[in-house]
Amino acid sequence: MAYWLFKSEPFKFSWEMLKAVGDAGEEWDGIRNYQARNNMRAMQLGDLGFFYHSNEGLNVVGICEVCALIHPDSTTDDERWECVDVKAVMDMPNPVSLADVKANPKLEKMSLVTSMRLSVQPVLHDEWLEVCRMGGLTSPPLSK
């Protein structure tokens, strides 16, 4: 199992919107980057991810879970584009800002720092634990 970071502009699709969907989850659609798509192809059911508000807020606001494996993206007829479904798991008690991530030497190689534009990114186990710690999670959830 692995960890991920999903970026979304809150005016398009916010953490609150994902929470409102409930356990049914939502397609992580609209991704038109091969690396991001390939990251979704590598996901397994139960993988966890940070939900990151990009452009506005610039912070990790919640934790989500992959609840459906890769499938065709319903927003296009182009067979190249696929997506997974994710559901909200929990709020980040204290949102973790991009500035705080960048200031933490333990996270200097994190994709959020090195590949800022990539909308679906891998997160290493140690990075997962550190961001959870920064966000106030004393018992961070772990991928199943």
N, C-alpha and C. Protein backbone atom coordinates (compact mmCIF):
# COMPACT_ATOMS: atom_id res chain seq x y z
N MET A 1 0.84 -1.18 0.00
CA MET A 1 0.00 0.00 0.00
C MET A 1 0.88 1.24 0.00
N ALA A 2 0.30 2.34 -0.44
CA ALA A 2 1.09 3.54 -0.62
C ALA A 2 0.31 4.76 -0.13
N TYR A 3 0.99 5.90 -0.18
CA TYR A 3 0.40 7.18 0.21
C TYR A 3 0.53 8.15 -0.95
N TRP A 4 -0.41 9.09 -1.00
CA TRP A 4 -0.52 10.00 -2.14
C TRP A 4 -0.89 11.40 -1.66
N LEU A 5 -0.80 12.35 -2.57
CA LEU A 5 -1.30 13.70 -2.34
C LEU A 5 -2.14 14.07 -3.56
N PHE A 6 -3.36 14.49 -3.30
CA PHE A 6 -4.30 14.91 -4.35
C PHE A 6 -4.50 16.42 -4.24
N LYS A 7 -4.23 17.12 -5.31
CA LYS A 7 -4.38 18.58 -5.32
C LYS A 7 -5.69 18.97 -6.00
N SER A 8 -6.36 19.94 -5.41
CA SER A 8 -7.58 20.46 -6.01
C SER A 8 -7.72 21.94 -5.68
N GLU A 9 -8.16 22.70 -6.65
CA GLU A 9 -8.47 24.10 -6.40
C GLU A 9 -9.82 24.13 -5.69
N PRO A 10 -9.88 24.72 -4.49
CA PRO A 10 -11.11 24.63 -3.70
C PRO A 10 -12.34 25.24 -4.37
N PHE A 11 -12.16 26.19 -5.28
CA PHE A 11 -13.33 26.75 -5.95
C PHE A 11 -13.91 25.77 -6.98
N LYS A 12 -13.10 24.79 -7.40
CA LYS A 12 -13.58 23.75 -8.33
C LYS A 12 -14.10 22.53 -7.58
N PHE A 13 -13.30 22.04 -6.65
CA PHE A 13 -13.70 20.90 -5.84
C PHE A 13 -12.93 20.96 -4.54
N SER A 14 -13.63 21.20 -3.45
CA SER A 14 -12.99 21.43 -2.15
C SER A 14 -13.09 20.20 -1.26
N TRP A 15 -12.34 20.26 -0.19
CA TRP A 15 -12.41 19.23 0.84
C TRP A 15 -13.83 19.10 1.38
N GLU A 16 -14.47 20.22 1.61
CA GLU A 16 -15.85 20.19 2.11
C GLU A 16 -16.78 19.49 1.12
N MET A 17 -16.55 19.67 -0.15
CA MET A 17 -17.37 19.01 -1.17
C MET A 17 -17.15 17.50 -1.13
N LEU A 18 -15.89 17.07 -0.96
CA LEU A 18 -15.62 15.64 -0.88
C LEU A 18 -16.28 15.05 0.36
N LYS A 19 -16.20 15.73 1.48
CA LYS A 19 -16.84 15.23 2.70
C LYS A 19 -18.34 15.10 2.51
N ALA A 20 -18.96 16.04 1.79
CA ALA A 20 -20.40 16.01 1.58
C ALA A 20 -20.86 14.81 0.75
N VAL A 21 -19.98 14.28 -0.09
CA VAL A 21 -20.31 13.12 -0.93
C VAL A 21 -20.46 11.85 -0.08
N GLY A 22 -19.75 11.77 1.02
CA GLY A 22 -19.84 10.61 1.90
C GLY A 22 -19.04 9.42 1.42
N ASP A 23 -19.42 8.24 1.89
CA ASP A 23 -18.66 7.02 1.62
C ASP A 23 -18.71 6.57 0.16
N ALA A 24 -19.64 7.08 -0.60
CA ALA A 24 -19.70 6.73 -2.03
C ALA A 24 -18.45 7.21 -2.76
N GLY A 25 -17.87 8.29 -2.27
CA GLY A 25 -16.68 8.83 -2.90
C GLY A 25 -16.99 9.58 -4.18
N GLU A 26 -15.94 10.07 -4.80
CA GLU A 26 -16.05 10.90 -6.00
C GLU A 26 -14.91 10.57 -6.95
N GLU A 27 -15.19 10.60 -8.23
CA GLU A 27 -14.13 10.43 -9.23
C GLU A 27 -13.10 11.55 -9.08
N TRP A 28 -11.83 11.19 -9.16
CA TRP A 28 -10.77 12.20 -9.21
C TRP A 28 -10.51 12.46 -10.69
N ASP A 29 -11.45 13.13 -11.31
CA ASP A 29 -11.47 13.26 -12.77
C ASP A 29 -10.78 14.53 -13.25
N GLY A 30 -10.68 14.63 -14.54
CA GLY A 30 -10.13 15.83 -15.15
C GLY A 30 -8.61 15.89 -15.21
N ILE A 31 -7.95 14.83 -14.82
CA ILE A 31 -6.49 14.81 -14.83
C ILE A 31 -6.02 14.58 -16.26
N ARG A 32 -5.19 15.48 -16.76
CA ARG A 32 -4.70 15.39 -18.13
C ARG A 32 -3.18 15.49 -18.16
N ASN A 33 -2.57 14.77 -17.27
CA ASN A 33 -1.11 14.70 -17.17
C ASN A 33 -0.76 13.22 -17.05
N TYR A 34 0.14 12.74 -17.90
CA TYR A 34 0.45 11.31 -17.91
C TYR A 34 1.05 10.82 -16.60
N GLN A 35 1.93 11.60 -15.99
CA GLN A 35 2.54 11.16 -14.75
C GLN A 35 1.49 11.04 -13.64
N ALA A 36 0.59 12.02 -13.55
CA ALA A 36 -0.48 11.97 -12.55
C ALA A 36 -1.39 10.77 -12.82
N ARG A 37 -1.72 10.53 -14.08
CA ARG A 37 -2.55 9.38 -14.43
C ARG A 37 -1.84 8.08 -14.07
N ASN A 38 -0.55 7.99 -14.36
CA ASN A 38 0.20 6.79 -14.02
C ASN A 38 0.27 6.58 -12.51
N ASN A 39 0.34 7.66 -11.75
CA ASN A 39 0.29 7.53 -10.30
C ASN A 39 -1.04 6.91 -9.88
N MET A 40 -2.13 7.33 -10.50
CA MET A 40 -3.43 6.74 -10.17
C MET A 40 -3.49 5.27 -10.57
N ARG A 41 -2.84 4.91 -11.66
CA ARG A 41 -2.81 3.50 -12.07
C ARG A 41 -2.10 2.63 -11.04
N ALA A 42 -1.19 3.21 -10.27
CA ALA A 42 -0.44 2.46 -9.27
C ALA A 42 -1.20 2.32 -7.95
N MET A 43 -2.31 2.99 -7.80
CA MET A 43 -3.04 3.00 -6.53
C MET A 43 -3.78 1.69 -6.30
N GLN A 44 -3.94 1.38 -5.01
CA GLN A 44 -4.69 0.21 -4.58
C GLN A 44 -5.82 0.66 -3.67
N LEU A 45 -6.86 -0.15 -3.58
CA LEU A 45 -7.95 0.15 -2.65
C LEU A 45 -7.38 0.27 -1.24
N GLY A 46 -7.82 1.30 -0.54
CA GLY A 46 -7.36 1.52 0.82
C GLY A 46 -6.15 2.41 0.94
N ASP A 47 -5.49 2.73 -0.19
CA ASP A 47 -4.40 3.70 -0.13
C ASP A 47 -4.95 5.02 0.40
N LEU A 48 -4.15 5.71 1.17
CA LEU A 48 -4.55 7.00 1.74
C LEU A 48 -3.82 8.13 1.04
N GLY A 49 -4.45 9.30 1.06
CA GLY A 49 -3.83 10.46 0.45
C GLY A 49 -4.16 11.73 1.21
N PHE A 50 -3.28 12.69 1.09
CA PHE A 50 -3.56 14.02 1.60
C PHE A 50 -4.42 14.74 0.58
N PHE A 51 -5.41 15.48 1.05
CA PHE A 51 -6.20 16.37 0.19
C PHE A 51 -5.61 17.75 0.38
N TYR A 52 -5.10 18.31 -0.72
CA TYR A 52 -4.36 19.57 -0.69
C TYR A 52 -5.11 20.62 -1.48
N HIS A 53 -5.40 21.74 -0.84
CA HIS A 53 -6.02 22.87 -1.53
C HIS A 53 -4.93 23.67 -2.24
N SER A 54 -4.98 23.69 -3.57
CA SER A 54 -3.99 24.43 -4.35
C SER A 54 -4.56 25.79 -4.75
N ASN A 55 -3.69 26.67 -5.11
CA ASN A 55 -4.00 28.04 -5.55
C ASN A 55 -4.62 28.90 -4.45
N GLU A 56 -5.61 28.39 -3.73
CA GLU A 56 -6.18 29.10 -2.58
C GLU A 56 -5.91 28.27 -1.35
N GLY A 57 -5.33 28.85 -0.35
CA GLY A 57 -5.08 28.13 0.88
C GLY A 57 -3.69 27.52 0.92
N LEU A 58 -3.35 26.75 -0.11
CA LEU A 58 -2.04 26.10 -0.20
C LEU A 58 -1.73 25.30 1.06
N ASN A 59 -2.66 24.38 1.39
CA ASN A 59 -2.40 23.56 2.56
C ASN A 59 -3.09 22.20 2.48
N VAL A 60 -2.55 21.27 3.25
CA VAL A 60 -3.15 19.95 3.41
C VAL A 60 -4.28 20.11 4.41
N VAL A 61 -5.50 19.80 3.97
CA VAL A 61 -6.67 20.03 4.81
C VAL A 61 -7.36 18.75 5.27
N GLY A 62 -7.04 17.61 4.64
CA GLY A 62 -7.71 16.38 5.02
C GLY A 62 -6.99 15.16 4.51
N ILE A 63 -7.54 14.01 4.90
CA ILE A 63 -7.03 12.72 4.46
C ILE A 63 -8.17 11.98 3.76
N CYS A 64 -7.86 11.46 2.58
CA CYS A 64 -8.85 10.71 1.81
C CYS A 64 -8.32 9.31 1.53
N GLU A 65 -9.22 8.46 1.04
CA GLU A 65 -8.89 7.07 0.78
C GLU A 65 -9.33 6.69 -0.63
N VAL A 66 -8.52 5.92 -1.32
CA VAL A 66 -8.89 5.40 -2.63
C VAL A 66 -9.98 4.34 -2.42
N CYS A 67 -11.16 4.58 -3.00
CA CYS A 67 -12.30 3.68 -2.79
C CYS A 67 -12.75 2.99 -4.08
N ALA A 68 -12.17 3.34 -5.22
CA ALA A 68 -12.41 2.63 -6.49
C ALA A 68 -11.14 2.73 -7.32
N LEU A 69 -10.77 1.60 -7.88
CA LEU A 69 -9.55 1.54 -8.69
C LEU A 69 -9.71 2.25 -10.02
N ILE A 70 -8.62 2.36 -10.72
CA ILE A 70 -8.55 3.08 -12.00
C ILE A 70 -9.65 2.62 -12.95
N HIS A 71 -10.28 3.60 -13.58
CA HIS A 71 -11.37 3.35 -14.54
C HIS A 71 -11.43 4.54 -15.49
N PRO A 72 -12.15 4.42 -16.60
CA PRO A 72 -12.23 5.55 -17.53
C PRO A 72 -12.77 6.81 -16.86
N ASP A 73 -12.18 7.92 -17.18
CA ASP A 73 -12.62 9.23 -16.69
C ASP A 73 -13.92 9.59 -17.39
N SER A 74 -14.98 9.78 -16.63
CA SER A 74 -16.30 10.04 -17.22
C SER A 74 -16.41 11.42 -17.86
N THR A 75 -15.41 12.28 -17.68
CA THR A 75 -15.49 13.63 -18.23
C THR A 75 -14.91 13.73 -19.64
N THR A 76 -14.48 12.60 -20.20
CA THR A 76 -13.92 12.63 -21.56
C THR A 76 -14.17 11.31 -22.26
N ASP A 77 -14.19 11.36 -23.59
CA ASP A 77 -14.29 10.15 -24.40
C ASP A 77 -12.91 9.64 -24.80
N ASP A 78 -11.88 10.36 -24.44
CA ASP A 78 -10.50 10.00 -24.78
C ASP A 78 -10.05 8.85 -23.87
N GLU A 79 -9.77 7.71 -24.45
CA GLU A 79 -9.44 6.50 -23.69
C GLU A 79 -8.13 6.61 -22.91
N ARG A 80 -7.31 7.60 -23.21
CA ARG A 80 -6.04 7.74 -22.50
C ARG A 80 -6.22 8.16 -21.04
N TRP A 81 -7.36 8.79 -20.74
CA TRP A 81 -7.51 9.40 -19.43
C TRP A 81 -8.39 8.56 -18.52
N GLU A 82 -7.82 8.24 -17.37
CA GLU A 82 -8.48 7.40 -16.38
C GLU A 82 -8.41 8.09 -15.03
N CYS A 83 -9.15 7.53 -14.07
CA CYS A 83 -9.13 8.12 -12.73
C CYS A 83 -9.48 7.07 -11.69
N VAL A 84 -9.27 7.40 -10.45
CA VAL A 84 -9.72 6.60 -9.32
C VAL A 84 -10.83 7.38 -8.62
N ASP A 85 -11.49 6.75 -7.68
CA ASP A 85 -12.44 7.43 -6.82
C ASP A 85 -11.83 7.54 -5.44
N VAL A 86 -12.12 8.64 -4.76
CA VAL A 86 -11.63 8.85 -3.40
C VAL A 86 -12.79 9.27 -2.51
N LYS A 87 -12.65 8.96 -1.22
CA LYS A 87 -13.63 9.41 -0.23
C LYS A 87 -12.90 10.05 0.93
N ALA A 88 -13.57 10.95 1.60
CA ALA A 88 -12.99 11.64 2.76
C ALA A 88 -12.88 10.67 3.93
N VAL A 89 -11.77 10.76 4.67
CA VAL A 89 -11.56 9.95 5.86
C VAL A 89 -11.61 10.83 7.11
N MET A 90 -10.82 11.89 7.11
CA MET A 90 -10.77 12.77 8.28
C MET A 90 -10.17 14.12 7.93
N ASP A 91 -10.58 15.12 8.70
CA ASP A 91 -9.98 16.44 8.60
C ASP A 91 -8.57 16.40 9.16
N MET A 92 -7.72 17.24 8.64
CA MET A 92 -6.41 17.46 9.25
C MET A 92 -6.68 18.44 10.40
N PRO A 93 -6.42 18.05 11.65
CA PRO A 93 -6.74 18.92 12.78
C PRO A 93 -6.19 20.34 12.62
N ASN A 94 -4.95 20.43 12.15
CA ASN A 94 -4.32 21.73 11.88
C ASN A 94 -3.81 21.69 10.45
N PRO A 95 -4.47 22.38 9.52
CA PRO A 95 -3.99 22.34 8.14
C PRO A 95 -2.49 22.65 8.06
N VAL A 96 -1.82 21.90 7.19
CA VAL A 96 -0.37 22.04 7.03
C VAL A 96 -0.09 22.85 5.78
N SER A 97 0.52 24.00 5.94
CA SER A 97 0.74 24.90 4.82
C SER A 97 1.93 24.48 3.97
N LEU A 98 1.90 24.90 2.73
CA LEU A 98 3.03 24.67 1.84
C LEU A 98 4.29 25.31 2.41
N ALA A 99 4.16 26.49 2.99
CA ALA A 99 5.32 27.17 3.58
C ALA A 99 5.93 26.31 4.69
N ASP A 100 5.09 25.69 5.51
CA ASP A 100 5.61 24.84 6.58
C ASP A 100 6.26 23.58 6.03
N VAL A 101 5.70 23.01 4.97
CA VAL A 101 6.31 21.84 4.34
C VAL A 101 7.69 22.21 3.80
N LYS A 102 7.76 23.34 3.09
CA LYS A 102 9.04 23.77 2.51
C LYS A 102 10.08 24.10 3.58
N ALA A 103 9.63 24.54 4.75
CA ALA A 103 10.56 24.92 5.82
C ALA A 103 11.07 23.71 6.61
N ASN A 104 10.47 22.55 6.39
CA ASN A 104 10.84 21.36 7.15
C ASN A 104 11.91 20.57 6.39
N PRO A 105 13.13 20.47 6.92
CA PRO A 105 14.20 19.75 6.22
C PRO A 105 13.86 18.28 5.96
N LYS A 106 13.00 17.69 6.79
CA LYS A 106 12.61 16.29 6.59
C LYS A 106 11.77 16.11 5.33
N LEU A 107 11.24 17.20 4.79
CA LEU A 107 10.35 17.13 3.63
C LEU A 107 10.94 17.77 2.38
N GLU A 108 12.25 18.04 2.40
CA GLU A 108 12.87 18.77 1.29
C GLU A 108 12.79 18.02 -0.04
N LYS A 109 12.66 16.70 0.00
CA LYS A 109 12.57 15.91 -1.24
C LYS A 109 11.15 15.49 -1.57
N MET A 110 10.18 15.93 -0.78
CA MET A 110 8.78 15.58 -1.02
C MET A 110 8.33 16.14 -2.37
N SER A 111 7.53 15.37 -3.09
CA SER A 111 7.05 15.81 -4.41
C SER A 111 6.34 17.15 -4.34
N LEU A 112 5.66 17.44 -3.25
CA LEU A 112 4.99 18.73 -3.11
C LEU A 112 5.98 19.88 -3.23
N VAL A 113 7.22 19.65 -2.84
CA VAL A 113 8.27 20.67 -2.93
C VAL A 113 8.97 20.62 -4.28
N THR A 114 9.23 19.42 -4.78
CA THR A 114 10.05 19.27 -5.99
C THR A 114 9.24 19.22 -7.28
N SER A 115 7.98 18.84 -7.22
CA SER A 115 7.11 18.73 -8.41
C SER A 115 5.79 19.42 -8.14
N MET A 116 5.88 20.68 -7.82
CA MET A 116 4.72 21.42 -7.31
C MET A 116 3.51 21.40 -8.24
N ARG A 117 3.71 21.30 -9.54
CA ARG A 117 2.58 21.39 -10.47
C ARG A 117 1.84 20.07 -10.65
N LEU A 118 2.44 18.96 -10.24
CA LEU A 118 1.83 17.66 -10.43
C LEU A 118 0.62 17.50 -9.51
N SER A 119 -0.54 17.16 -10.09
CA SER A 119 -1.80 17.16 -9.34
C SER A 119 -2.05 15.89 -8.53
N VAL A 120 -1.39 14.80 -8.85
CA VAL A 120 -1.49 13.56 -8.08
C VAL A 120 -0.07 13.07 -7.87
N GLN A 121 0.36 13.05 -6.61
CA GLN A 121 1.77 12.80 -6.29
C GLN A 121 1.93 11.67 -5.29
N PRO A 122 3.03 10.93 -5.39
CA PRO A 122 3.33 9.95 -4.35
C PRO A 122 3.85 10.65 -3.09
N VAL A 123 3.61 10.03 -1.95
CA VAL A 123 4.13 10.50 -0.67
C VAL A 123 4.82 9.32 0.00
N LEU A 124 6.06 9.50 0.38
CA LEU A 124 6.79 8.43 1.06
C LEU A 124 6.27 8.24 2.49
N HIS A 125 6.46 7.04 3.03
CA HIS A 125 5.95 6.71 4.36
C HIS A 125 6.44 7.71 5.42
N ASP A 126 7.73 8.03 5.41
CA ASP A 126 8.27 8.99 6.40
C ASP A 126 7.68 10.38 6.20
N GLU A 127 7.44 10.77 4.94
CA GLU A 127 6.81 12.07 4.66
C GLU A 127 5.39 12.07 5.19
N TRP A 128 4.69 10.96 4.99
CA TRP A 128 3.30 10.83 5.48
C TRP A 128 3.27 11.06 7.00
N LEU A 129 4.14 10.37 7.71
CA LEU A 129 4.17 10.49 9.16
C LEU A 129 4.51 11.90 9.61
N GLU A 130 5.45 12.55 8.92
CA GLU A 130 5.87 13.90 9.30
C GLU A 130 4.76 14.93 9.05
N VAL A 131 4.09 14.85 7.90
CA VAL A 131 3.00 15.81 7.63
C VAL A 131 1.85 15.56 8.61
N CYS A 132 1.56 14.30 8.90
CA CYS A 132 0.52 14.01 9.89
C CYS A 132 0.89 14.59 11.25
N ARG A 133 2.14 14.44 11.65
CA ARG A 133 2.61 15.02 12.92
C ARG A 133 2.44 16.53 12.91
N MET A 134 2.83 17.16 11.80
CA MET A 134 2.72 18.61 11.68
C MET A 134 1.27 19.06 11.76
N GLY A 135 0.36 18.21 11.28
CA GLY A 135 -1.05 18.53 11.28
C GLY A 135 -1.76 18.19 12.58
N GLY A 136 -1.03 17.68 13.55
CA GLY A 136 -1.62 17.42 14.86
C GLY A 136 -2.21 16.04 15.04
N LEU A 137 -1.88 15.11 14.14
CA LEU A 137 -2.38 13.75 14.28
C LEU A 137 -1.38 12.91 15.09
N THR A 138 -1.74 12.62 16.32
CA THR A 138 -0.84 11.86 17.18
C THR A 138 -0.85 10.37 16.82
N SER A 139 -1.94 9.89 16.24
CA SER A 139 -2.04 8.51 15.76
C SER A 139 -2.45 8.57 14.30
N PRO A 140 -1.50 8.80 13.39
CA PRO A 140 -1.87 8.98 11.98
C PRO A 140 -2.46 7.71 11.39
N PRO A 141 -3.47 7.86 10.54
CA PRO A 141 -4.01 6.70 9.85
C PRO A 141 -2.97 6.15 8.88
N LEU A 142 -2.97 4.83 8.72
CA LEU A 142 -2.03 4.17 7.84
C LEU A 142 -2.80 3.44 6.76
N SER A 143 -2.22 3.35 5.58
CA SER A 143 -2.87 2.62 4.48
C SER A 143 -3.11 1.18 4.92
N LYS A 144 -4.23 0.64 4.45
CA LYS A 144 -4.63 -0.73 4.82
C LYS A 144 -3.80 -1.76 4.13
